[in-house]
Protein backbone atom coordinates (compact mmCIF):
# COMPACT_ATOMS: atom_id res chain seq x y z
CA MET A 1 -15.44 -19.19 53.10
CA ALA A 2 -12.31 -17.28 52.15
CA SER A 3 -11.37 -14.17 54.11
CA LYS A 4 -9.63 -11.06 52.93
CA PRO A 5 -5.81 -11.30 53.38
CA GLU A 6 -4.21 -8.67 55.58
CA SER A 7 -1.72 -7.92 52.79
CA ILE A 8 -4.50 -6.36 50.67
CA LYS A 9 -4.88 -2.84 52.04
CA THR A 10 -7.29 -1.47 49.42
CA PRO A 11 -11.06 -1.40 50.16
CA THR A 12 -13.03 -4.48 49.21
CA VAL A 13 -14.73 -4.24 45.82
CA HIS A 14 -18.37 -5.45 45.86
CA LEU A 15 -19.86 -6.41 42.50
CA VAL A 16 -23.62 -5.87 42.87
CA TRP A 17 -26.69 -5.43 40.70
CA ASP A 18 -27.74 -1.77 40.43
CA MET A 19 -31.09 -2.08 42.19
CA LYS A 20 -31.61 1.70 42.16
CA SER A 21 -31.76 1.73 38.37
CA SER A 22 -33.87 -1.41 38.08
CA SER A 23 -34.68 -4.40 40.23
CA LYS A 24 -36.34 -6.21 37.33
CA CYS A 25 -35.07 -9.10 35.21
CA PRO A 26 -33.61 -7.82 31.90
CA LEU A 27 -35.24 -10.75 30.04
CA CYS A 28 -38.81 -11.04 31.35
CA GLY A 29 -39.29 -8.02 33.63
CA SER A 30 -39.99 -10.08 36.78
CA ARG A 31 -38.43 -9.14 40.10
CA LEU A 32 -34.83 -10.16 40.88
CA SER A 33 -33.81 -11.57 44.25
CA HIS A 34 -30.37 -11.67 45.87
CA GLU A 35 -29.16 -15.25 46.34
CA TYR A 36 -25.66 -15.13 47.85
CA ASN A 37 -22.11 -13.83 47.41
CA ASP A 38 -18.97 -15.83 46.79
CA GLY A 39 -17.18 -14.55 49.91
CA GLY A 40 -14.54 -12.79 47.88
CA ARG A 41 -11.39 -13.70 46.02
CA ARG A 42 -8.01 -12.16 45.21
CA VAL A 43 -7.70 -10.55 41.77
CA GLU A 44 -4.35 -9.31 40.39
CA THR A 45 -4.71 -5.98 38.57
CA MET A 46 -2.33 -3.46 37.00
CA LYS A 47 -2.62 -1.35 40.18
CA GLY A 48 -2.01 -4.19 42.60
CA PRO A 49 -4.12 -6.92 44.22
CA LEU A 50 -7.80 -6.38 45.00
CA TRP A 51 -10.32 -8.30 47.10
CA VAL A 52 -13.43 -8.71 44.98
CA VAL A 53 -16.77 -9.98 46.34
CA THR A 54 -19.23 -11.02 43.63
CA ASN A 55 -22.97 -11.11 44.43
CA TYR A 56 -25.34 -13.53 42.68
CA TYR A 57 -28.99 -12.93 41.76
CA LYS A 58 -31.96 -14.92 40.37
CA CYS A 59 -35.15 -14.11 38.50
CA ARG A 60 -38.28 -15.16 40.42
CA ASN A 61 -40.05 -16.23 37.21
CA ARG A 62 -39.56 -20.00 37.02
CA ASN A 63 -40.03 -19.97 33.25
CA CYS A 64 -37.26 -17.39 32.69
CA ASP A 65 -33.78 -18.39 31.47
CA LEU A 66 -32.34 -16.39 34.40
CA ASN A 67 -34.19 -18.47 37.01
CA HIS A 68 -30.82 -19.56 38.41
CA ALA A 69 -28.04 -17.81 40.30
CA PHE A 70 -26.01 -15.54 38.04
CA PRO A 71 -23.22 -13.05 38.91
CA ALA A 72 -23.66 -9.30 38.86
CA ALA A 73 -22.44 -7.73 35.64
CA ASN A 74 -19.01 -6.14 35.92
CA GLY A 75 -16.20 -4.78 33.80
CA LEU A 76 -13.38 -5.61 36.18
CA VAL A 77 -12.83 -9.36 36.21
CA LEU A 78 -13.66 -12.56 34.37
CA ARG A 79 -15.43 -15.30 36.24
CA ARG A 80 -13.13 -17.74 38.03
CA LYS A 81 -10.03 -15.96 36.68
CA LYS A 82 -7.10 -14.82 38.79
CA PHE A 83 -6.15 -11.72 36.82
CA GLY A 84 -8.17 -8.59 36.16
CA LEU A 85 -9.50 -7.71 32.76
CA GLU A 86 -6.92 -4.98 32.16
CA VAL A 87 -4.13 -7.54 32.73
CA TRP A 88 -5.75 -9.83 30.20
CA SER A 89 -6.00 -6.96 27.74
CA LYS A 90 -2.32 -6.07 28.13
CA VAL A 91 -1.15 -9.69 27.70
CA ILE A 92 -3.30 -10.15 24.58
CA GLN A 93 -1.98 -6.94 23.01
CA HIS A 94 1.63 -7.95 23.66
CA ARG A 95 1.06 -11.39 22.13
CA PHE A 96 -1.16 -10.75 19.11
CA LYS A 97 -0.43 -7.13 18.25
CA HIS A 98 3.26 -6.84 19.17
CA LYS A 99 4.07 -10.55 18.60
CA LEU A 100 6.05 -11.18 21.78
CA ASN A 101 6.62 -14.66 23.16
CA TYR A 102 5.39 -15.83 26.55
CA SER A 103 8.71 -15.21 28.34
CA GLN A 104 8.96 -11.65 27.01
CA ILE A 105 5.39 -10.93 28.11
CA ARG A 106 6.14 -12.23 31.62
CA MET A 107 9.15 -9.94 31.92
CA ILE A 108 7.29 -6.87 30.65
CA MET A 109 4.32 -7.44 32.95
CA TRP A 110 6.66 -7.61 35.94
CA ASP A 111 9.08 -4.84 34.91
CA ASP A 112 6.39 -2.34 33.90
CA TRP A 113 3.49 -3.23 36.18
CA GLU A 114 4.89 -5.54 38.89
CA VAL A 115 2.30 -8.18 37.97
CA SER A 116 3.80 -11.61 38.58
CA MET A 117 2.63 -14.21 36.07
CA SER A 118 3.71 -17.76 35.35
CA HIS A 119 4.44 -19.04 31.86
CA GLY A 120 1.29 -21.17 32.09
CA ALA A 121 -0.88 -18.20 33.08
CA VAL A 122 0.26 -16.17 30.05
CA LYS A 123 -0.28 -19.16 27.77
CA GLU A 124 -3.78 -19.81 29.19
CA ILE A 125 -4.83 -16.20 28.57
CA CYS A 126 -3.56 -16.26 24.98
CA GLU A 127 -5.14 -19.59 24.11
CA HIS A 128 -8.43 -18.56 25.73
CA PHE A 129 -8.46 -15.44 23.57
CA GLU A 130 -7.64 -17.43 20.40
CA ALA A 131 -10.83 -19.44 20.88
CA ALA A 132 -12.99 -16.50 22.01
CA GLY A 133 -11.72 -14.28 19.20
CA ALA A 134 -12.28 -16.90 16.51
CA ILE A 135 -15.88 -17.46 17.69
CA PHE A 136 -16.52 -13.70 17.78
CA VAL A 137 -15.14 -13.19 14.26
CA ASP A 138 -17.00 -16.22 12.86
CA LYS A 139 -20.34 -14.80 14.05
CA GLU A 140 -19.61 -11.50 12.30
CA THR A 141 -18.53 -13.36 9.15
CA LEU A 142 -21.76 -15.33 8.99
CA GLU A 143 -23.81 -12.12 9.12
CA LEU A 144 -21.66 -10.29 6.54
CA VAL A 145 -21.59 -13.13 4.00
CA ARG A 146 -25.33 -13.78 4.22
CA ALA A 147 -25.98 -10.05 3.80
CA SER A 148 -23.73 -10.03 0.73
CA GLY A 149 -25.77 -12.81 -0.89
CA ARG A 150 -22.91 -14.46 -2.78
CA ILE A 151 -19.37 -15.77 -2.33
CA VAL A 152 -16.30 -15.26 -4.49
CA LEU A 153 -14.09 -18.04 -3.18
CA SER A 154 -10.33 -17.70 -2.81
CA LEU A 155 -8.31 -20.71 -1.69
CA ASP A 156 -4.73 -21.80 -1.20
CA GLY A 157 -2.62 -23.96 1.10
CA ALA A 158 0.57 -23.41 3.09
CA GLN A 159 2.97 -26.10 4.25
CA PRO A 160 5.84 -24.83 6.46
CA ARG A 161 7.54 -28.24 6.35
CA LYS A 162 7.33 -31.00 3.76
CA GLY A 163 5.74 -34.24 4.83
CA ARG A 164 3.29 -32.54 7.19
CA PRO A 165 -0.34 -31.56 6.54
CA ALA A 166 -0.90 -28.36 4.56
CA PHE A 167 -3.00 -25.61 6.12
CA TRP A 168 -5.71 -24.55 3.65
CA VAL A 169 -7.66 -21.32 3.97
CA PHE A 170 -10.90 -20.55 2.12
CA THR A 171 -11.91 -16.88 2.05
CA ASP A 172 -14.61 -14.73 0.51
CA ARG A 173 -13.08 -11.95 -1.60
CA ILE A 174 -16.24 -9.79 -1.40
CA THR A 175 -16.25 -9.46 2.40
CA GLY A 176 -12.59 -10.35 2.91
CA ARG A 177 -13.58 -12.89 5.57
CA ILE A 178 -12.26 -16.39 6.20
CA LEU A 179 -14.98 -18.95 5.55
CA ALA A 180 -13.21 -22.18 6.46
CA THR A 181 -9.82 -23.64 7.31
CA ARG A 182 -8.60 -27.21 6.98
CA TYR A 183 -5.45 -29.24 7.57
CA LEU A 184 -5.21 -31.56 4.57
CA GLU A 185 -2.77 -34.40 3.99
CA VAL A 186 -3.97 -34.53 0.38
CA ALA A 187 -5.98 -31.77 -1.32
CA SER A 188 -7.67 -33.91 -3.95
CA ALA A 189 -10.49 -32.62 -6.14
CA ASP A 190 -13.06 -34.74 -4.28
CA ILE A 191 -12.03 -33.32 -0.90
CA LEU A 192 -12.11 -29.73 -2.19
CA VAL A 193 -15.55 -30.22 -3.77
CA GLY A 194 -16.84 -31.43 -0.40
CA ILE A 195 -15.49 -28.29 1.29
CA PHE A 196 -17.08 -26.07 -1.40
CA ARG A 197 -20.49 -27.66 -0.73
CA GLU A 198 -20.02 -27.38 3.03
CA ILE A 199 -19.32 -23.63 2.66
CA GLU A 200 -22.43 -23.07 0.57
CA SER A 201 -24.52 -25.04 3.05
CA ARG A 202 -23.22 -23.19 6.11
CA TYR A 203 -23.58 -19.65 4.73
CA GLU A 204 -26.69 -20.39 2.63
CA VAL A 205 -25.42 -18.31 -0.32
CA PRO A 206 -23.98 -19.52 -3.66
CA ILE A 207 -20.35 -19.52 -4.74
CA VAL A 208 -20.38 -17.42 -7.93
CA GLY A 209 -16.66 -17.43 -8.77
CA VAL A 210 -13.25 -18.78 -7.73
CA ILE A 211 -9.76 -17.24 -7.69
CA SER A 212 -6.70 -19.46 -7.11
CA ASP A 213 -3.42 -20.57 -8.61
CA LYS A 214 -3.53 -23.11 -11.45
CA GLN A 215 -3.15 -26.17 -9.25
CA ALA A 216 -4.52 -29.20 -11.09
CA SER A 217 -6.67 -30.44 -8.19
CA ILE A 218 -8.29 -27.01 -7.75
CA VAL A 219 -9.03 -26.69 -11.48
CA LYS A 220 -10.62 -30.15 -11.48
CA ALA A 221 -12.57 -29.46 -8.28
CA VAL A 222 -14.13 -26.24 -9.63
CA LYS A 223 -15.20 -27.99 -12.85
CA GLU A 224 -16.79 -30.83 -10.89
CA PHE A 225 -18.46 -28.49 -8.41
CA ASN A 226 -19.96 -26.04 -10.91
CA PRO A 227 -18.50 -25.76 -14.41
CA SER A 228 -20.61 -22.68 -15.15
CA ILE A 229 -18.87 -20.37 -12.65
CA PRO A 230 -15.72 -18.45 -13.71
CA HIS A 231 -12.44 -19.72 -12.29
CA ALA A 232 -9.78 -17.00 -12.48
CA PHE A 233 -6.12 -17.96 -12.30
CA CYS A 234 -3.92 -15.70 -10.20
CA GLN A 235 -1.94 -13.37 -12.48
CA TYR A 236 0.78 -12.99 -9.87
CA HIS A 237 1.47 -16.74 -9.99
CA PHE A 238 1.41 -16.60 -13.79
CA LEU A 239 3.89 -13.72 -13.95
CA ASP A 240 6.02 -15.43 -11.32
CA HIS A 241 6.34 -18.45 -13.61
CA VAL A 242 7.10 -16.22 -16.60
CA LEU A 243 9.83 -14.60 -14.55
CA GLU A 244 11.63 -17.86 -13.76
CA PRO A 245 14.12 -17.80 -16.71
CA ILE A 246 15.00 -14.17 -15.92
CA THR A 247 15.38 -14.88 -12.21
CA ALA A 248 17.60 -17.90 -12.84
CA LYS A 249 19.96 -15.93 -15.09
CA ASP A 250 19.91 -12.84 -12.91
CA SER A 251 20.65 -14.78 -9.71
CA TYR A 252 23.58 -16.45 -11.44
CA LEU A 253 24.92 -13.12 -12.69
CA LEU A 254 24.66 -11.51 -9.25
CA LYS A 255 26.41 -14.46 -7.61
CA VAL A 256 29.31 -14.31 -10.09
CA LEU A 257 29.73 -10.53 -9.80
CA ARG A 258 29.62 -10.55 -5.99
CA SER A 259 32.09 -13.38 -5.76
CA ALA A 260 34.53 -11.67 -8.13
CA VAL A 261 34.29 -8.28 -6.41
CA ARG A 262 34.74 -9.76 -2.94
CA SER A 263 37.88 -11.59 -4.06
CA LEU A 264 39.61 -8.43 -5.33
CA SER A 265 42.71 -7.69 -3.23
CA ILE A 266 41.63 -4.13 -2.38
CA VAL A 267 38.35 -5.53 -1.04
CA VAL A 268 39.90 -8.45 0.83
CA ASN A 269 42.47 -6.18 2.51
CA ARG A 270 40.34 -3.08 3.06
CA ASN A 271 40.07 -3.71 6.80
CA ALA A 272 43.65 -4.91 7.24
CA VAL A 273 45.02 -1.38 7.03
CA THR A 274 46.89 -0.21 10.14
CA SER A 275 46.23 3.22 11.58
CA PRO A 276 48.23 5.15 10.64
CA PRO A 277 49.07 3.10 7.51
CA ALA A 278 52.52 1.54 7.80
CA GLY A 279 54.33 -0.04 4.89
CA SER A 280 53.85 0.39 1.15
CA ALA A 281 51.08 -2.20 0.75
CA SER A 282 49.16 -0.86 3.72
CA ARG A 283 49.30 2.68 2.31
CA ILE A 284 48.02 1.47 -1.09
CA TYR A 285 45.09 -0.38 0.51
CA HIS A 286 44.36 2.71 2.60
CA VAL A 287 44.07 4.84 -0.55
CA PHE A 288 41.85 2.32 -2.35
CA LYS A 289 39.59 1.54 0.61
CA PRO A 290 36.86 4.00 -0.59
CA ILE A 291 36.90 2.29 -4.00
CA ALA A 292 36.58 -1.09 -2.28
CA GLU A 293 33.53 0.25 -0.46
CA GLU A 294 32.11 1.60 -3.74
CA LEU A 295 32.52 -1.78 -5.40
CA LEU A 296 30.77 -3.49 -2.48
CA CYS A 297 27.96 -0.95 -2.79
CA ALA A 298 27.78 -1.73 -6.51
CA VAL A 299 27.03 -5.41 -5.90
CA SER A 300 24.84 -4.93 -2.80
CA THR A 301 21.81 -4.65 -5.05
CA ARG A 302 18.31 -5.68 -4.05
CA GLY A 303 15.44 -6.56 -6.36
CA ASP A 304 11.81 -5.56 -6.67
CA ARG A 305 10.65 -8.90 -8.06
CA PHE A 306 8.94 -7.71 -11.25
CA ARG A 307 10.70 -4.38 -11.80
CA VAL A 308 14.30 -4.45 -10.56
CA PHE A 309 16.70 -7.31 -11.24
CA PRO A 310 19.65 -7.16 -8.82
CA GLY A 311 22.14 -8.99 -11.06
CA LEU A 312 21.47 -6.64 -13.95
CA GLU A 313 21.66 -3.63 -11.63
CA ALA A 314 25.00 -4.85 -10.23
CA PHE A 315 26.37 -5.23 -13.77
CA ALA A 316 25.32 -1.65 -14.65
CA ASN A 317 26.78 -0.39 -11.37
CA LEU A 318 30.15 -1.99 -12.09
CA GLU A 319 30.15 -0.45 -15.57
CA HIS A 320 29.54 2.91 -13.94
CA VAL A 321 32.42 2.43 -11.47
CA LEU A 322 34.73 1.27 -14.25
CA LEU A 323 34.08 4.39 -16.37
CA ARG A 324 34.90 6.63 -13.40
CA LEU A 325 38.08 4.71 -12.58
CA VAL A 326 39.33 4.90 -16.18
CA ASP A 327 39.21 8.72 -15.96
CA TYR A 328 41.84 8.65 -13.20
CA LEU A 329 44.37 6.95 -15.50
CA SER A 330 44.79 10.24 -17.39
CA PHE A 331 46.07 11.94 -14.22
CA ASN A 332 49.65 12.20 -12.99
CA LEU A 333 49.56 9.41 -10.40
CA ASP A 334 52.23 7.86 -8.24
CA GLY A 335 53.64 4.76 -9.94
CA ARG A 336 52.40 2.35 -7.27
CA ILE A 337 48.91 3.89 -7.36
CA ARG A 338 48.84 3.74 -11.17
CA ARG A 339 49.85 0.07 -11.30
CA SER A 340 47.21 -0.84 -8.72
CA LEU A 341 44.56 1.16 -10.56
CA GLU A 342 45.47 -0.39 -13.93
CA THR A 343 45.24 -3.88 -12.39
CA LEU A 344 41.85 -3.06 -10.93
CA VAL A 345 40.54 -1.62 -14.21
CA SER A 346 41.80 -4.65 -16.11
CA SER A 347 40.09 -7.03 -13.65
CA LEU A 348 36.77 -5.19 -13.90
CA GLU A 349 36.92 -5.07 -17.72
CA ALA A 350 37.56 -8.83 -17.86
CA LEU A 351 34.74 -9.52 -15.38
CA LEU A 352 32.22 -7.46 -17.34
CA ASP A 353 33.28 -8.87 -20.72
CA GLU A 354 32.89 -12.44 -19.43
CA ASN A 355 29.34 -11.78 -18.28
CA ARG A 356 28.12 -9.33 -20.91
CA GLN A 357 26.25 -12.03 -22.84
CA VAL A 358 24.27 -13.09 -19.77
CA ALA A 359 23.46 -9.46 -18.95
CA SER A 360 22.33 -8.90 -22.55
CA GLU A 361 20.02 -11.93 -22.40
CA ILE A 362 18.50 -10.75 -19.09
CA SER A 363 17.88 -7.30 -20.60
CA ALA A 364 16.17 -8.79 -23.66
CA LEU A 365 13.95 -11.08 -21.59
CA ALA A 366 13.16 -8.26 -19.14
CA MET A 367 11.90 -6.08 -22.02
CA ASP A 368 9.56 -8.87 -23.16
CA PHE A 369 8.40 -9.39 -19.59
CA GLU A 370 7.65 -5.70 -19.08
CA GLU A 371 5.62 -5.66 -22.32
CA LEU A 372 3.54 -8.56 -20.96
CA ARG A 373 2.97 -6.76 -17.64
CA VAL A 374 1.78 -3.63 -19.45
CA ILE A 375 -0.75 -5.66 -21.46
CA LEU A 376 -2.12 -7.44 -18.39
CA GLY A 377 -2.17 -4.14 -16.50
CA HIS A 378 -5.09 -2.75 -18.56
CA ARG A 379 -7.72 -3.42 -15.91
CA ASP A 380 -10.31 -1.40 -17.84
CA TRP A 381 -10.15 -3.70 -20.91
CA ASP A 382 -12.34 -6.76 -21.41
CA GLY A 383 -10.87 -10.26 -21.64
CA ARG A 384 -11.00 -10.43 -25.42
CA ARG A 385 -9.07 -7.19 -25.84
CA VAL A 386 -6.45 -7.93 -23.22
CA LYS A 387 -5.61 -11.39 -24.57
CA ILE A 388 -1.87 -11.74 -25.02
CA ASP A 389 -2.09 -13.55 -28.33
CA GLY A 390 -0.06 -10.79 -30.00
CA TRP A 391 2.71 -11.17 -27.45
CA SER A 392 2.74 -14.94 -27.94
CA TYR A 393 2.62 -14.54 -31.72
CA LYS A 394 5.73 -12.37 -31.61
CA LEU A 395 7.57 -15.09 -29.68
CA SER A 396 6.32 -17.73 -32.12
CA GLY A 397 7.66 -15.65 -35.01
CA ARG A 398 11.11 -15.55 -33.48
CA LEU A 399 11.05 -19.32 -33.04
CA ARG A 400 9.85 -19.94 -36.61
CA ARG A 401 12.66 -17.79 -38.00
CA ARG A 402 15.12 -19.92 -36.04
CA LYS A 403 13.38 -23.13 -37.18
CA ALA A 404 12.62 -24.02 -33.53
CA GLU A 405 9.45 -25.68 -32.20
CA HIS A 406 6.72 -23.07 -31.65
CA ARG A 407 3.59 -25.20 -31.09
CA PRO A 408 2.67 -25.16 -27.38
CA SER A 409 1.42 -28.74 -27.35
CA LYS A 410 4.77 -29.98 -28.65
CA ILE A 411 6.96 -28.08 -26.18
CA LYS A 412 8.05 -30.00 -23.08
CA TRP A 413 8.50 -28.40 -19.70
CA MET A 414 12.06 -27.40 -18.81
CA ARG A 415 13.40 -26.21 -15.49
CA ALA A 416 14.67 -22.65 -15.68
CA SER A 417 18.44 -22.26 -15.25
CA ALA A 418 21.24 -19.83 -16.02
CA LYS A 419 22.20 -21.98 -19.01
CA MET A 420 18.75 -21.73 -20.60
CA THR A 421 18.97 -20.08 -24.02
CA LEU A 422 16.70 -17.32 -25.24
CA VAL A 423 15.02 -19.79 -27.60
CA GLU A 424 14.28 -22.17 -24.74
CA ALA A 425 12.95 -19.31 -22.59
CA TRP A 426 10.59 -18.18 -25.38
CA GLN A 427 9.35 -21.75 -25.81
CA GLN A 428 8.59 -22.08 -22.09
CA TRP A 429 6.69 -18.80 -22.17
CA ILE A 430 4.52 -19.93 -25.10
CA ARG A 431 3.81 -23.21 -23.34
CA LEU A 432 2.92 -21.35 -20.12
CA VAL A 433 0.52 -18.93 -21.83
CA HIS A 434 -1.27 -21.85 -23.48
CA SER A 435 -1.66 -23.69 -20.15
CA TYR A 436 -3.16 -20.59 -18.45
CA GLU A 437 -5.49 -19.73 -21.33
CA ASP A 438 -8.69 -20.98 -19.65
CA GLY A 439 -8.54 -18.78 -16.56
CA LEU A 440 -6.19 -15.87 -17.22
CA TYR A 441 -8.81 -13.39 -18.48
CA HIS A 442 -11.95 -14.04 -16.40
CA ALA A 443 -11.20 -11.16 -14.02
CA TYR A 444 -11.45 -8.66 -16.91
CA ASP A 445 -15.00 -9.78 -17.73
CA HIS A 446 -16.30 -10.23 -14.16
CA SER A 447 -15.83 -7.23 -11.89
CA PHE A 448 -16.34 -9.29 -8.74
CA LEU A 449 -13.22 -11.37 -9.45
CA ASP A 450 -9.73 -10.33 -8.37
CA HIS A 451 -6.81 -10.46 -10.79
CA THR A 452 -4.51 -11.98 -8.18
CA ASN A 453 -4.65 -14.18 -5.10
CA ASN A 454 -2.10 -11.98 -3.34
CA ALA A 455 -4.38 -11.39 -0.34
CA LYS A 456 -4.12 -15.10 0.49
CA GLU A 457 -0.34 -15.12 0.01
CA ASN A 458 -0.10 -12.10 2.32
CA LEU A 459 -2.25 -13.87 4.89
CA PHE A 460 0.09 -16.88 4.98
CA SER A 461 3.13 -14.61 5.08
CA ARG A 462 1.78 -12.67 8.05
CA ALA A 463 0.85 -15.88 9.88
CA LYS A 464 4.34 -17.32 9.39
CA HIS A 465 5.86 -13.98 10.45
CA HIS A 466 3.85 -14.13 13.68
CA PHE A 467 5.17 -17.59 14.54
CA ARG A 468 8.76 -16.73 13.62
CA SER A 469 8.54 -13.55 15.70
CA THR A 470 7.43 -15.50 18.75
CA HIS A 471 9.56 -18.64 18.21
CA GLY A 472 12.69 -17.29 16.52
CA ARG A 473 14.49 -19.78 14.30
CA ASP A 474 12.83 -22.82 15.87
CA ASP A 475 10.80 -25.19 13.73
CA ILE A 476 7.35 -23.56 13.64
CA GLN A 477 5.45 -26.48 12.10
CA ASP A 478 4.08 -27.83 15.39
CA GLU A 479 2.97 -24.38 16.60
CA PHE A 480 1.60 -23.64 13.12
CA GLU A 481 -0.58 -26.74 13.22
CA ARG A 482 -1.85 -25.96 16.74
CA HIS A 483 -2.56 -22.26 16.38
CA ALA A 484 -2.75 -21.25 12.70
CA ASP A 485 -6.49 -21.95 12.51
CA PRO A 486 -7.60 -19.32 15.06
CA LEU A 487 -4.67 -17.00 14.39
CA VAL A 488 -5.46 -16.27 10.73
CA ARG A 489 -8.91 -15.08 11.84
CA LEU A 490 -7.35 -12.66 14.32
CA LEU A 491 -4.65 -11.05 12.14
CA ASP A 492 -6.79 -8.03 11.19
CA LEU A 493 -8.60 -7.75 14.50
CA ASP A 494 -8.90 -4.42 16.29
CA TYR A 495 -6.70 -4.89 19.37
CA SER A 496 -7.95 -1.87 21.26
CA ASN A 497 -8.79 -2.40 24.91
CA GLU A 498 -12.47 -1.90 24.14
CA ASN A 499 -12.63 -4.53 21.43
CA ILE A 500 -10.66 -7.07 23.44
CA LYS A 501 -13.04 -6.63 26.38
CA GLU A 502 -16.07 -6.95 24.12
CA ILE A 503 -14.75 -10.27 22.84
CA LEU A 504 -13.93 -11.60 26.30
CA LEU A 505 -17.02 -10.33 28.09
CA VAL A 506 -19.67 -10.25 25.38
CA SER A 507 -21.70 -12.87 27.22
CA GLU A 508 -20.98 -11.83 30.80
CA THR A 509 -20.29 -8.15 31.42
CA ALA A 510 -20.34 -4.54 30.32
CA LEU A 511 -17.22 -2.69 29.17
CA VAL A 512 -14.97 -0.39 31.19
CA ASP A 513 -12.14 1.81 29.97
CA SER A 514 -8.53 1.12 30.90
CA TYR A 515 -5.39 2.89 29.98
CA ARG A 516 -3.06 1.27 27.45
CA ASP A 517 0.56 2.17 26.71
CA ASP A 518 1.75 1.27 23.24
CA LEU A 519 4.78 -0.96 23.04
CA ARG A 520 7.41 0.68 20.93
CA ALA A 521 10.51 -0.92 19.50
CA ALA A 522 13.18 0.63 17.32
CA TYR A 523 15.21 -1.45 14.93
CA ILE A 524 18.41 0.08 13.60
CA SER A 525 20.09 -1.51 10.63
CA SER A 526 22.92 -0.37 8.42
CA LYS A 527 22.78 -1.22 4.72
CA ARG A 528 25.03 -0.21 1.87
CA LYS A 529 23.64 2.14 -0.75
CA TRP A 530 23.52 0.29 -4.04
CA ARG A 531 21.87 2.84 -6.36
CA ILE A 532 25.28 4.40 -6.94
CA ARG A 533 24.41 5.63 -10.44
CA GLU A 534 21.77 7.97 -9.03
CA GLU A 535 23.02 8.54 -5.47
CA ASP A 536 26.51 9.73 -4.57
CA THR A 537 28.02 7.55 -1.84
CA GLY A 538 30.95 9.91 -1.24
CA ASN A 539 33.46 7.10 -1.82
CA PHE A 540 35.08 8.73 -4.86
CA LYS A 541 35.50 12.03 -3.00
CA GLU A 542 37.21 10.15 -0.19
CA PHE A 543 39.39 8.33 -2.78
CA GLU A 544 40.49 11.68 -4.22
CA ALA A 545 41.25 13.04 -0.76
CA ARG A 546 43.45 10.04 -0.02
CA LEU A 547 45.18 10.39 -3.40
CA ASN A 548 45.97 14.01 -2.56
CA ALA A 549 47.45 12.92 0.76
CA PHE A 550 49.51 10.09 -0.73
CA PRO A 551 53.29 10.77 -0.85
CA GLY A 552 54.54 11.42 -4.41
CA HIS A 553 51.13 12.24 -5.85
CA GLY A 554 51.50 15.04 -8.41
CA ARG A 555 48.00 16.50 -8.84
CA THR A 556 45.40 17.94 -6.55
CA PHE A 557 41.74 17.01 -7.10
CA VAL A 558 39.15 19.68 -6.56
CA GLY A 559 35.61 18.44 -5.70
């Protein structure tokens, strides 16, 4: 039998049954008897090592399930585990809540608590919790879904790397719970139908509706499984496809504008200025450095997917900068400054003129797109009223006037590109609306259906973010395949000490409180302001100050 090491100075902790409160079996009420103790073992805790002796008891009723030696209930340690429960709790929070990798957790546990842990020990704790947490959540899900009495099924697959199995997740939109997960090499209709039936059998409630993207195998599977239930197509995916011609043109425009601005001499040489400026060229670049920064701000635009198009915003920003620069030509400027300013104005005018047609096309398509979003945004309308036939009819009218094909069945698919004409974009939109007709409006007529499948997209995004946070830029496919199944169940888990202990000890011990420090991290990033038409960057004020200080300048600017 093991003996207490001399290095452990703290009193021995004895885990015993509270005989003063009750000496009876909690299951049958018969008397309990003490069987033996384990002699003690070393347990690493946040406050240092402890020597813990666990006592075992047995119910005297031979027909009782506790008629065998069982350990005294405790909230300090897990059976046959080296580390105390509070250590487990801290490791699990660092991994699943704060998304640290095993090496980072090891360092924090030693630096903050002087708890020495191997890489394997940290990994074993995390993988143990993945399994325990998934089982705990699955039990709750079964109860919630059966209490609900029906399932609105949402499904989609994620494939971090081509050529590997896709990870499919099936969730219930009513309870928000994951019902099943599968790694599928091929997601054929037959395979999906089998999974649908398995879900109904396990939860013993019917699937009354489905929400997904318009993937052919899913559409076929729902029709084969139960053609009478509504199958809603995700409006986000639909709008994303509608957006493709705009995105293609806008991305091209932004790329051209950024490339041109970054190649301007005042931008290229903005950081080559000596301090203090020496030489004529260096002094010119010093004066124009604020304008170079303003131009870089103008093209540092960021989009909002459906609302803000960065290429179009960059074009408008450059127009704004150009108008302000032209005003300076009316002032009494030094000859060298004037020539540089005239060259810059001429370059910007040529750049904008060359790309004005593309910007005009993006604006026209964006107006049509916004009209479509407004129509689909009437959540209080029924499906018949919200139908976008009027929007499609307007596009058809434009095509008829131009003697272009307007019948959806006759229009072939075309990949969106910057060279796509307005006519071709309108044709693709008509074709797209026709292909989504069967499932685009179900959500307006059935309140239990969602309009989008964004919750599933967000789930995949968060899962991938977890793996990238813990593995950096490494290929995450292998880790994704090993751990995505339990992880997606744990993303929304309550990671308080109490809940973690309940999951770990639900079958063996009561809960105890332990103190938890939150891990805090601050990320500082510097980004250029790009909304220069609404927000003053201060670059023009700095430009005027440098003009005033330039030798030979004949006018003072007053802010």
